[in-house]
Protein backbone atom coordinates (compact mmCIF):
# COMPACT_ATOMS: atom_id res chain seq x y z
CA MET A 1 167.77 65.43 17.40
CA LYS A 2 170.83 66.90 19.05
CA THR A 3 172.81 69.36 16.91
CA HIS A 4 176.04 71.26 17.24
CA LEU A 5 175.03 74.41 15.39
CA SER A 6 176.61 76.76 17.91
CA GLN A 7 179.89 74.82 17.90
CA LEU A 8 180.08 74.92 14.13
CA ALA A 9 179.32 78.65 14.13
CA ILE A 10 182.14 79.34 16.59
CA ALA A 11 184.54 77.29 14.49
CA THR A 12 183.46 79.21 11.40
CA PHE A 13 184.21 82.62 12.84
CA CYS A 14 187.41 81.58 14.59
CA SER A 15 188.85 80.10 11.42
CA LEU A 16 188.24 83.34 9.54
CA SER A 17 189.32 85.69 12.32
CA VAL A 18 192.85 84.33 12.51
CA CYS A 19 193.22 84.63 8.75
CA SER A 20 191.81 88.12 8.31
CA ALA A 21 193.62 90.25 5.73
CA HIS A 22 193.42 93.92 4.89
CA ALA A 23 191.32 95.07 1.95
CA ASP A 24 189.40 98.20 1.04
CA ASP A 25 185.61 98.29 1.09
CA MET A 26 184.68 96.37 -2.06
CA TYR A 27 180.96 96.67 -2.73
CA ARG A 28 180.57 97.25 -6.46
CA ASP A 29 177.37 95.48 -7.52
CA ALA A 30 179.45 92.47 -8.59
CA TRP A 31 178.44 88.98 -9.69
CA TYR A 32 180.42 86.01 -8.36
CA VAL A 33 180.52 82.23 -8.53
CA LEU A 34 180.84 80.08 -5.39
CA PRO A 35 181.89 76.41 -5.74
CA GLY A 36 182.62 74.40 -2.61
CA ALA A 37 182.18 71.39 -0.36
CA SER A 38 179.70 70.66 2.42
CA ILE A 39 179.33 68.48 5.50
CA LEU A 40 175.84 67.19 6.31
CA ARG A 41 174.74 66.16 9.79
CA THR A 42 171.50 64.23 9.40
CA ASP A 43 168.28 64.10 11.33
CA SER A 44 168.26 61.09 13.66
CA ASP A 45 165.04 59.80 12.05
CA LEU A 46 167.00 58.89 8.92
CA ASP A 47 168.99 56.10 10.61
CA ALA A 48 172.11 57.36 8.83
CA LYS A 49 175.66 58.06 9.94
CA HIS A 50 176.06 61.32 11.80
CA HIS A 51 178.08 62.98 9.04
CA GLY A 52 178.38 62.83 5.28
CA GLY A 53 179.63 65.12 2.59
CA GLY A 54 178.91 66.67 -0.73
CA LEU A 55 179.47 69.50 -3.19
CA PHE A 56 177.70 72.70 -4.17
CA LEU A 57 177.80 75.33 -6.88
CA LYS A 58 176.17 78.72 -6.43
CA TRP A 59 175.96 82.09 -8.11
CA GLY A 60 175.91 85.29 -6.10
CA LYS A 61 175.12 88.96 -6.65
CA GLU A 62 175.86 92.05 -4.55
CA ILE A 63 172.55 93.92 -4.67
CA ALA A 64 173.13 96.64 -2.02
CA PRO A 65 175.87 97.73 0.40
CA ALA A 66 174.52 95.31 3.04
CA TRP A 67 172.73 92.66 0.94
CA ASP A 68 173.68 89.73 -1.31
CA ILE A 69 171.60 87.04 -2.97
CA GLN A 70 172.93 83.55 -3.75
CA GLY A 71 171.37 80.65 -5.59
CA GLY A 72 172.41 77.22 -6.82
CA PHE A 73 172.34 73.50 -6.11
CA THR A 74 173.84 71.22 -3.46
CA TYR A 75 174.36 67.45 -3.44
CA ASN A 76 175.03 65.51 -0.23
CA ARG A 77 175.00 61.88 0.76
CA VAL A 78 175.42 59.98 4.02
CA ARG A 79 175.88 56.22 4.55
CA GLU A 80 173.01 54.34 6.20
CA ASP A 81 173.30 53.27 9.84
CA THR A 82 170.28 51.03 10.42
CA GLY A 83 172.32 48.37 12.19
CA ILE A 84 170.59 45.63 10.17
CA ALA A 85 172.86 43.02 8.61
CA GLY A 86 172.98 43.10 4.83
CA VAL A 87 171.56 46.60 4.50
CA GLY A 88 173.63 49.16 2.61
CA GLY A 89 173.27 52.34 0.62
CA HIS A 90 173.02 56.03 1.37
CA TYR A 91 170.67 58.83 2.18
CA LYS A 92 171.03 61.31 -0.70
CA GLN A 93 169.78 64.86 -0.99
CA ILE A 94 169.79 67.22 -3.95
CA SER A 95 168.60 70.75 -3.21
CA LEU A 96 168.02 73.75 -5.44
CA GLY A 97 167.48 77.05 -3.67
CA ALA A 98 168.24 80.71 -3.13
CA ASP A 99 169.36 82.66 -0.07
CA VAL A 100 169.29 86.30 0.98
CA LEU A 101 172.37 87.39 2.99
CA TYR A 102 172.58 90.40 5.29
CA LEU A 103 176.25 91.40 5.63
CA PHE A 104 177.43 93.38 8.65
CA SER A 105 180.46 94.78 6.77
CA ARG A 106 181.83 95.21 3.25
CA GLN A 107 185.45 95.14 4.32
CA SER A 108 187.64 92.07 3.85
CA PHE A 109 186.00 90.16 6.75
CA ARG A 110 182.25 90.06 6.26
CA PRO A 111 180.07 88.24 8.81
CA PHE A 112 176.49 87.62 7.71
CA VAL A 113 173.17 85.96 8.50
CA LEU A 114 171.05 84.26 5.85
CA ILE A 115 167.57 82.97 5.15
CA GLY A 116 166.44 81.07 2.11
CA GLY A 117 164.34 78.37 0.52
CA GLY A 118 163.79 76.19 -2.50
CA VAL A 119 163.16 72.53 -3.26
CA ALA A 120 164.89 69.36 -2.06
CA ARG A 121 164.76 65.77 -3.25
CA ASN A 122 165.30 63.37 -0.35
CA ASN A 123 166.22 59.84 -1.43
CA VAL A 124 166.51 57.19 1.30
CA ASP A 125 168.33 54.70 -0.92
CA TYR A 126 168.90 51.83 1.56
CA SER A 127 169.36 48.60 -0.35
CA GLN A 128 168.04 45.34 1.09
CA LEU A 129 166.06 47.12 3.81
CA PRO A 130 162.90 45.04 4.33
CA GLY A 131 159.62 46.88 3.83
CA LEU A 132 161.13 50.21 2.73
CA GLN A 133 158.34 52.47 1.47
CA ASP A 134 158.24 55.89 -0.21
CA ALA A 135 162.02 56.12 -0.32
CA MET A 136 162.08 59.25 -2.50
CA ARG A 137 160.23 62.55 -2.16
CA THR A 138 160.66 66.03 -3.61
CA SER A 139 159.45 68.78 -1.29
CA TRP A 140 159.86 72.39 -0.26
CA MET A 141 163.09 73.30 1.55
CA GLY A 142 163.86 76.15 3.94
CA ASN A 143 166.98 77.16 5.85
CA VAL A 144 168.45 79.82 8.15
CA GLY A 145 172.08 80.24 9.11
CA LEU A 146 175.10 82.42 9.67
CA GLY A 147 178.61 82.63 8.30
CA ALA A 148 181.31 84.93 7.00
CA GLN A 149 183.20 85.88 3.87
CA LEU A 150 186.90 86.68 3.74
CA LEU A 151 188.19 88.51 0.65
CA PHE A 152 191.92 88.35 -0.02
CA ASN A 153 191.64 90.79 -2.92
CA ASP A 154 188.98 92.20 -5.22
CA LYS A 155 188.74 88.95 -7.21
CA PHE A 156 189.08 86.06 -4.75
CA GLY A 157 187.91 85.08 -1.29
CA LEU A 158 186.39 82.35 0.89
CA GLN A 159 182.95 81.83 2.38
CA VAL A 160 181.89 79.53 5.20
CA ASP A 161 178.45 79.12 6.71
CA VAL A 162 176.45 76.79 8.91
CA ARG A 163 172.72 76.45 8.45
CA ARG A 164 169.70 74.57 9.75
CA GLN A 165 167.72 73.06 6.89
CA TRP A 166 164.17 71.72 6.85
CA SER A 167 162.44 69.57 4.20
CA LYS A 168 159.93 66.69 3.94
CA SER A 169 160.34 62.93 3.55
CA ASP A 170 157.92 59.99 3.73
CA ALA A 171 160.43 57.11 3.89
CA ARG A 172 159.67 54.42 6.45
CA ALA A 173 160.42 50.75 7.07
CA PRO A 174 158.38 48.89 9.71
CA ALA A 175 161.21 46.41 10.24
CA SER A 176 163.57 49.15 11.47
CA ASP A 177 163.60 52.46 13.32
CA LEU A 178 163.45 54.33 10.00
CA ASP A 179 160.44 56.64 9.95
CA THR A 180 160.92 60.04 8.33
CA SER A 181 157.24 60.83 7.84
CA GLY A 182 157.19 64.50 8.71
CA THR A 183 159.81 67.22 8.58
CA LEU A 184 163.53 66.47 8.39
CA ALA A 185 165.90 68.86 10.17
CA ASN A 186 169.46 68.57 8.89
CA THR A 187 172.47 70.74 9.72
CA VAL A 188 174.76 71.73 6.83
CA PHE A 189 178.26 73.23 7.02
CA ASN A 190 179.58 74.79 3.78
CA ILE A 191 182.97 76.12 2.74
CA GLY A 192 183.62 77.54 -0.71
CA ALA A 193 185.75 79.84 -2.85
CA ILE A 194 184.46 83.20 -4.10
CA PHE A 195 185.42 84.25 -7.63
CA ARG A 196 184.19 87.80 -8.36
CA PHE A 197 183.65 89.13 -11.86
CA GLY A 198 184.20 92.59 -13.28
CA GLU A 199 186.81 95.20 -12.60
CA PRO A 200 187.07 97.30 -9.42
CA THR A 201 185.98 100.93 -9.59
CA PRO A 202 189.02 103.24 -9.63
CA ALA A 203 189.35 105.41 -6.54
CA PRO A 204 187.88 108.80 -7.52
CA GLU A 205 189.79 111.99 -7.02
CA ALA A 206 188.71 113.91 -3.94
CA GLU A 207 186.99 117.22 -4.46
CA GLN A 208 187.98 119.87 -1.99
CA ALA A 209 187.36 123.60 -2.11
CA MET A 210 189.76 125.20 0.32
CA PRO A 211 190.06 128.93 1.02
CA SER A 212 191.82 130.72 -1.80
CA ALA A 213 195.30 132.03 -1.19
CA ALA A 214 195.83 135.77 -1.69
CA PRO A 215 197.71 136.57 -4.90
CA ALA A 216 201.40 137.27 -4.40
CA PRO A 217 202.26 141.03 -4.43
CA MET A 218 204.06 142.37 -7.42
CA ALA A 219 207.81 142.68 -7.17
CA ALA A 220 209.05 146.09 -6.02
CA ALA A 221 210.99 146.62 -9.23
CA LYS A 222 207.87 146.03 -11.30
CA GLN A 223 205.86 148.43 -9.17
CA ALA A 224 208.51 151.15 -9.59
CA ASP A 225 208.16 150.95 -13.39
CA LEU A 226 204.41 151.54 -13.34
CA PRO A 227 203.21 154.92 -14.63
CA PRO A 228 201.73 157.19 -11.95
CA ALA A 229 198.18 156.52 -13.13
CA LEU A 230 198.64 152.81 -12.46
CA ALA A 231 200.60 153.04 -9.23
CA PRO A 232 199.29 150.55 -6.67
CA VAL A 233 197.16 151.86 -3.86
CA ALA A 234 196.67 150.53 -0.37
CA PRO A 235 194.20 147.62 -0.45
CA ALA A 236 190.73 148.35 0.81
CA VAL A 237 189.71 146.89 4.14
CA ASN A 238 187.80 143.66 3.67
CA CYS A 239 184.48 144.54 5.29
CA SER A 240 182.85 141.19 4.45
CA PRO A 241 185.06 138.50 5.95
CA ARG A 242 183.92 135.02 5.15
CA PHE A 243 184.82 131.40 5.81
CA GLU A 244 184.80 129.71 2.44
CA THR A 245 182.78 126.50 2.20
CA ILE A 246 184.95 123.39 2.35
CA SER A 247 183.57 120.32 0.54
CA ILE A 248 185.52 117.12 1.16
CA SER A 249 184.94 113.86 -0.70
CA VAL A 250 184.14 111.13 1.84
CA GLU A 251 186.67 108.81 0.21
CA LYS A 252 189.35 110.99 1.85
CA ILE A 253 187.82 110.48 5.30
CA PHE A 254 185.82 107.23 5.39
CA GLY A 255 185.76 103.87 3.66
CA PHE A 256 182.89 103.10 1.31
CA ASP A 257 179.68 102.61 3.34
CA GLN A 258 181.60 103.21 6.61
CA PHE A 259 181.49 105.92 9.27
CA GLU A 260 184.74 105.20 11.13
CA MET A 261 187.44 107.70 10.15
CA GLN A 262 190.50 106.46 8.29
CA ALA A 263 193.96 107.41 9.57
CA GLY A 264 194.68 109.36 6.39
CA ALA A 265 191.84 111.78 7.12
CA LYS A 266 193.55 113.37 10.12
CA PRO A 267 196.01 115.68 8.30
CA LEU A 268 193.17 116.99 6.14
CA LEU A 269 190.92 117.72 9.12
CA ASP A 270 193.85 119.11 11.10
CA ALA A 271 194.21 121.80 8.41
CA VAL A 272 190.50 122.64 8.73
CA ALA A 273 190.84 122.83 12.52
CA GLU A 274 193.76 125.26 12.26
CA GLN A 275 191.69 127.57 10.07
CA LEU A 276 188.82 127.50 12.54
CA LYS A 277 191.09 128.19 15.51
CA ALA A 278 192.73 131.07 13.62
CA HIS A 279 189.33 132.70 12.96
CA PRO A 280 187.27 132.66 16.16
CA GLU A 281 184.99 135.32 14.67
CA PHE A 282 183.14 132.52 12.88
CA ALA A 283 180.90 131.70 15.80
CA LEU A 284 178.87 128.83 14.30
CA VAL A 285 180.20 126.34 11.76
CA MET A 286 178.00 123.56 10.35
CA VAL A 287 179.35 120.11 9.46
CA THR A 288 176.95 118.42 7.01
CA GLY A 289 177.14 114.82 5.79
CA HIS A 290 175.80 113.79 2.37
CA THR A 291 175.52 110.35 0.72
CA ASP A 292 174.65 109.02 -2.71
CA ARG A 293 171.34 107.26 -3.43
CA ILE A 294 172.67 103.68 -3.33
CA GLY A 295 170.81 101.89 -0.52
CA SER A 296 167.64 102.90 1.33
CA ALA A 297 166.91 106.54 2.20
CA ARG A 298 166.67 105.68 5.90
CA TYR A 299 170.04 103.91 5.89
CA ASN A 300 171.72 106.77 4.00
CA GLN A 301 170.27 109.38 6.36
CA ARG A 302 171.72 107.59 9.38
CA LEU A 303 175.08 107.09 7.63
CA SER A 304 175.33 110.81 6.79
CA GLU A 305 174.54 111.76 10.40
CA ARG A 306 177.20 109.42 11.76
CA ARG A 307 179.83 110.76 9.37
CA ALA A 308 179.05 114.38 10.23
CA ASN A 309 179.23 113.57 13.95
CA GLN A 310 182.60 111.83 13.47
CA VAL A 311 184.07 114.90 11.75
CA LYS A 312 182.68 117.24 14.41
CA GLU A 313 184.02 115.08 17.25
CA TYR A 314 187.47 115.00 15.66
CA LEU A 315 187.58 118.79 15.23
CA VAL A 316 186.64 119.19 18.90
CA SER A 317 189.32 116.68 19.90
CA VAL A 318 192.03 118.83 18.27
CA GLY A 319 191.00 122.05 19.95
CA VAL A 320 188.02 123.59 18.17
CA ALA A 321 185.44 124.77 20.72
CA ALA A 322 182.45 122.43 20.72
CA ASN A 323 179.97 125.31 21.02
CA ARG A 324 181.12 126.60 17.62
CA LEU A 325 180.25 123.38 15.79
CA GLU A 326 177.00 121.71 14.83
CA SER A 327 176.56 118.55 12.77
CA ILE A 328 173.70 117.38 10.61
CA GLY A 329 173.08 114.62 8.09
CA LYS A 330 171.13 115.17 4.89
CA GLY A 331 171.40 111.67 3.46
CA GLU A 332 170.74 111.54 -0.26
CA SER A 333 168.41 114.59 -0.26
CA GLU A 334 170.80 117.14 -1.84
CA PRO A 335 172.61 115.45 -4.74
CA LYS A 336 175.08 117.32 -6.93
CA VAL A 337 174.66 114.80 -9.77
CA THR A 338 171.80 112.39 -10.67
CA CYS A 339 173.40 109.80 -13.02
CA ASN A 340 170.06 108.57 -14.39
CA GLY A 341 170.16 105.39 -16.46
CA MET A 342 173.48 104.14 -15.06
CA ARG A 343 174.14 100.91 -13.17
CA GLY A 344 176.92 98.98 -11.48
CA ASP A 345 180.45 100.34 -11.37
CA ALA A 346 179.58 103.25 -13.64
CA LEU A 347 176.83 104.37 -11.25
CA VAL A 348 179.08 104.16 -8.16
CA GLN A 349 181.75 106.24 -9.88
CA CYS A 350 179.29 108.77 -11.31
CA LEU A 351 177.67 109.38 -7.89
CA GLN A 352 181.01 110.13 -6.20
CA PRO A 353 180.41 113.92 -5.98
CA ASN A 354 177.31 113.25 -3.86
CA ARG A 355 179.35 111.44 -1.19
CA ARG A 356 180.78 114.42 0.66
CA VAL A 357 181.15 116.26 3.95
CA VAL A 358 180.59 120.03 3.81
CA ILE A 359 181.98 122.48 6.41
CA GLU A 360 180.60 126.02 6.21
CA ASP A 361 179.96 129.13 8.31
CA GLN A 362 176.36 129.55 9.43
CA ALA A 363 176.43 132.85 11.41
CA GLN A 364 178.23 135.53 9.40
CA HIS A 365 175.85 138.16 10.74
CA HIS A 366 177.56 137.72 14.11
CA ILE A 367 180.99 138.74 12.77
CA GLU A 368 182.37 141.86 14.43
CA ARG A 369 183.32 144.60 11.97
CA LYS A 370 186.97 145.38 11.40
CA PRO A 371 188.41 148.87 11.97
CA GLY A 372 187.55 151.08 9.02
CA CYS A 373 184.32 149.26 8.19
CA PRO A 374 180.88 150.85 8.64
CA PRO A 375 178.64 149.42 11.37
CA LEU A 376 176.22 146.66 10.46
């Protein structure tokens, strides 16, 4: 049987690409409902028209930053095409199944691949077809495919996919070319609307510990009024200079589950770069990426490494010497909070302090002493 799977896939992605709209990363462990329509291209053994149509209703669940599950039922029918006078009716299929989707992004445009299975009832309901046998059979059903989602906001979006579907049928009629004994291979194109439930998680406030500013000196008039015993003295030389640890919430630098820097992160990192350039005595500064525990440990480790590398590369690009910087990812191994017993939106919000990039001095013993300080 000749199919046009690749053509349908190209049409799927082109139709979504031209309509892409901006949205923030929106993984939040949400449930959603997915009603829609389908086009069925039948196996040639069915002696049916090339295309028919139908409807579907599915439920979906975001189970991880890169994974969804969907399940529901689909009904399709296609008019017969036996070419025998007086024969009418349709090939009808009802399927009940579940799919696992791997999504390549959680931004507004979300391409994915899928694999799934379930049961299908194939009914070759051709009236007046002489010798028709075993017209109906319920069997296993399996499918693989690809598609994309496009979210217009946190509540509504579209999904399209094209999939190759396999199931069993025993229908045959010796007086015609109809003989489906074996495995049917149909191609299904689906388009539906996504309605997401629940409320979005509010954007958490960024945590950032920047170097403390020195307290303003007392006004001269106030100092003149002090009794001699309390007269100010010259400040002691700071013999232990230090670069205070800077902890930046990743929401200020990256999107959720992303490692590409956002434009708004540049002013924040520019300020860090200026501090580093103003204090060359800090010979080795470590940039460390941390994630929360949502997702696999291996995935989070790689994500933290990529984020740390992105911050390091940006600091180098604005003038910080590369040999002063090192980057490392620690994944989910050093959490600040645990949030045991929490799920969904509450868990994502509670784990926010764990999603951070830390910039700190690693070689203070190499700092040269200032005049007036004893030798090391």
